[in-house]
Structures are given as C-alpha cells and as structure tokens.
Protein backbone atom coordinates (compact mmCIF):
# COMPACT_ATOMS: atom_id res chain seq x y z
CA MET A 1 3.65 -17.44 24.71
CA ALA A 2 3.91 -15.70 28.05
CA THR A 3 1.54 -16.44 30.76
CA GLU A 4 -0.99 -13.94 31.07
CA LEU A 5 -1.78 -12.21 34.26
CA PRO A 6 -4.65 -13.83 36.04
CA ILE A 7 -7.93 -11.73 36.61
CA ASN A 8 -8.55 -10.07 40.24
CA ASP A 9 -5.21 -10.56 41.21
CA LEU A 10 -3.74 -7.51 42.56
CA SER A 11 -0.30 -8.68 43.92
CA PRO A 12 1.78 -7.21 40.98
CA LEU A 13 0.64 -3.83 42.37
CA PRO A 14 2.95 -1.73 44.70
CA GLN A 15 2.08 -1.55 48.58
CA SER A 16 1.54 1.91 48.39
CA GLY A 17 0.80 5.26 45.86
CA LYS A 18 -1.80 6.43 43.68
CA LEU A 19 -3.40 3.93 41.12
CA PHE A 20 -5.36 4.58 37.90
CA GLY A 21 -8.41 2.44 37.09
CA LEU A 22 -8.99 2.21 33.22
CA ASP A 23 -11.79 1.34 31.24
CA LEU A 24 -10.49 0.27 27.83
CA GLY A 25 -13.38 0.79 25.17
CA THR A 26 -13.15 0.42 21.31
CA LYS A 27 -13.67 4.53 21.08
CA THR A 28 -12.44 5.85 24.33
CA ILE A 29 -10.48 4.99 27.73
CA GLY A 30 -12.04 6.12 30.87
CA ILE A 31 -9.47 6.96 33.65
CA ALA A 32 -10.03 6.84 37.23
CA ILE A 33 -7.58 7.82 39.83
CA SER A 34 -7.14 6.85 43.58
CA ASP A 35 -6.06 9.06 46.40
CA GLY A 36 -2.58 8.25 47.91
CA LEU A 37 -4.21 6.13 50.81
CA ARG A 38 -6.31 3.77 48.31
CA LEU A 39 -9.39 4.63 50.08
CA SER A 40 -11.54 6.11 47.09
CA ALA A 41 -11.64 6.35 43.33
CA THR A 42 -12.61 9.58 41.58
CA PRO A 43 -13.22 9.40 37.99
CA LEU A 44 -10.67 11.39 36.28
CA GLU A 45 -11.06 11.90 32.52
CA THR A 46 -11.92 10.27 29.20
CA ILE A 47 -9.48 9.97 26.34
CA ARG A 48 -10.89 9.49 22.93
CA ARG A 49 -9.13 6.92 21.27
CA THR A 50 -6.86 7.24 17.94
CA LYS A 51 -4.30 5.21 17.69
CA PHE A 52 -2.33 3.34 19.80
CA SER A 53 0.92 5.79 20.26
CA ALA A 54 -1.19 8.69 20.87
CA ASP A 55 -3.45 7.12 23.32
CA ALA A 56 -0.21 5.64 25.05
CA ASP A 57 1.21 8.92 25.13
CA ALA A 58 -1.87 10.69 26.76
CA LEU A 59 -1.93 8.08 29.08
CA ILE A 60 1.63 8.31 29.88
CA ARG A 61 1.49 12.08 30.45
CA LEU A 62 -1.31 11.63 32.82
CA ILE A 63 0.58 8.74 34.89
CA ASP A 64 3.52 11.02 35.13
CA GLN A 65 1.63 14.21 36.28
CA ASN A 66 -0.22 12.28 38.73
CA GLN A 67 2.69 10.30 40.25
CA ILE A 68 0.78 6.70 39.45
CA VAL A 69 2.57 3.66 40.52
CA GLY A 70 0.09 1.19 39.20
CA LEU A 71 -2.69 0.27 36.89
CA VAL A 72 -6.21 -1.60 37.34
CA LEU A 73 -7.28 -2.49 33.85
CA GLY A 74 -10.91 -3.57 33.58
CA LEU A 75 -11.12 -6.86 31.83
CA PRO A 76 -14.17 -7.40 29.84
CA ILE A 77 -14.79 -10.99 30.50
CA ASN A 78 -18.03 -12.81 28.78
CA MET A 79 -20.72 -13.95 31.02
CA ASP A 80 -19.29 -17.39 31.06
CA GLY A 81 -16.17 -16.51 32.47
CA SER A 82 -14.51 -16.97 28.95
CA GLU A 83 -12.18 -14.30 27.50
CA GLY A 84 -13.21 -13.10 24.14
CA PRO A 85 -11.87 -10.70 21.48
CA ARG A 86 -12.12 -7.67 23.55
CA ALA A 87 -10.75 -9.27 26.66
CA GLN A 88 -7.55 -10.40 24.16
CA SER A 89 -7.74 -6.52 22.95
CA THR A 90 -7.27 -5.58 26.53
CA ARG A 91 -4.62 -7.84 27.19
CA ALA A 92 -2.53 -6.97 23.87
CA PHE A 93 -3.06 -3.22 24.85
CA ALA A 94 -1.35 -3.90 28.17
CA ARG A 95 1.44 -5.65 26.70
CA ASN A 96 2.10 -2.97 24.17
CA PHE A 97 1.69 -0.27 26.95
CA ALA A 98 4.09 -2.09 29.05
CA SER A 99 6.83 -1.73 26.72
CA ARG A 100 6.54 1.84 26.25
CA LYS A 101 6.07 2.85 30.00
CA PRO A 102 7.09 -0.12 32.56
CA ILE A 103 4.44 0.21 35.27
CA PRO A 104 2.73 -2.56 37.29
CA ILE A 105 -0.67 -3.64 35.71
CA ALA A 106 -3.29 -5.91 37.30
CA PHE A 107 -6.51 -6.80 35.42
CA TRP A 108 -9.89 -6.78 37.11
CA ASP A 109 -13.22 -8.45 36.14
CA GLU A 110 -15.28 -5.74 34.61
CA ARG A 111 -18.34 -7.45 34.10
CA LEU A 112 -21.45 -5.52 34.43
CA SER A 113 -19.40 -2.15 35.49
CA THR A 114 -20.82 -0.31 32.65
CA SER A 115 -24.23 -1.42 32.87
CA ALA A 116 -24.12 -0.88 36.73
CA VAL A 117 -22.95 2.81 36.31
CA THR A 118 -25.44 3.22 33.32
CA ARG A 119 -28.24 2.47 35.20
CA THR A 120 -27.30 4.61 38.20
CA LEU A 121 -27.25 7.55 35.77
CA ILE A 122 -30.55 6.73 34.49
CA GLU A 123 -32.01 6.64 38.03
CA ALA A 124 -30.44 10.04 38.67
CA ASP A 125 -32.09 11.25 35.44
CA THR A 126 -29.11 11.95 33.49
CA SER A 127 -29.40 12.73 29.92
CA ARG A 128 -28.16 10.31 27.46
CA ALA A 129 -25.74 12.86 25.93
CA ARG A 130 -24.36 13.38 29.67
CA ARG A 131 -24.21 9.89 30.38
CA ALA A 132 -22.50 9.27 27.10
CA GLU A 133 -19.92 11.86 28.35
CA VAL A 134 -19.06 10.43 31.55
CA VAL A 135 -19.66 6.69 31.61
CA ASP A 136 -16.48 5.76 30.69
CA LYS A 137 -14.51 7.23 33.47
CA LEU A 138 -17.30 6.34 35.96
CA ALA A 139 -16.97 2.85 34.89
CA ALA A 140 -13.17 3.05 35.45
CA SER A 141 -13.75 4.46 38.86
CA TYR A 142 -16.25 1.74 39.52
CA ILE A 143 -13.71 -0.94 38.61
CA LEU A 144 -10.68 0.85 40.64
CA GLN A 145 -13.01 1.22 43.73
CA VAL A 146 -14.01 -2.25 43.84
CA ALA A 147 -10.17 -3.23 43.76
CA LEU A 148 -9.40 -0.55 46.24
CA ASP A 149 -11.95 -2.15 48.47
CA ARG A 150 -10.37 -5.80 47.57
CA LEU A 151 -6.64 -4.27 48.75
CA SER A 152 -8.10 -2.53 51.82
CA HIS A 153 -9.22 -6.11 53.10
CA GLY A 154 -5.92 -7.56 52.28
CA VAL A 155 -7.48 -10.37 50.26
C-alpha cells in the first residue's frame, strides 16, 4: 500500500498559483478558490455529487477554467485524531482523482470547519434553507483560508 499523504503538510503544493479548497461531503463538494497571491479564499460553488466520473469531470472543468495549480482537501478527522470511514473515502477520492487529473494535493484537518461556518451563519440569522445552499462552499473557503494563512507564515 502506498504511503498516505500526511495531514496539514502543504509541501506538495507549488510555491505560487491559485489553489482550490475542497470540502467533500457525501452529497456535495464545496469549492473555494484562492487569489493569485494566496492571500484570501473565496467560496466558488457547490457541486451536487452524482457519480465519481461526473464529479471529477465537473471539478476538472473548474480547475482548467480557473488555472488551478493545487488542491487542499479537507480531511474529516475524528475528534480523537483518528481517521474513520469518511477520511478513508476522502483519501480514495483524492487517489482516484489524481489518476484522472495529475495535480498536487494536500490534506487539511477540517475538524469543526462546518460547525464553525454553520454557527457564523446562524449568528447572521441566515435561514436554514440558505445555510444548506452555502455551507459546503463556505466550509471549503474556511479550510482553504486556514491553509493559506499557514502558507503565508512559511510553516
């Protein structure tokens, strides 16, 4: 079995260029994009998942349209730090995706990202329906922004 990429190690990513942050859910993929200077993450869109090939094709189109050089995938780690079925599924998605579109991928610990975004939306008095529409791409943005902050500090 190949060695799995470590969590919160951004060294696979190129030194410059725009990045995507991905929040892979069972029903959707939230996507966020960085600016060219990698200062900020912006929610881009949410892909409704169907089957892997269709999901990958949609993602590849967006990568090509936006000249993306690397991906930061949120990895759903359990609160005790272990990797469960959802983390294994995310790693499998990354392996399968990399065979279709060779692009550098880094995994970022996404613990509590969705709950932090949901809490912010509730505080902003966002309706439940609107929260459901935007939470995945906002979670992707949250994940990417934390990774960008780490990159800017050279750690």
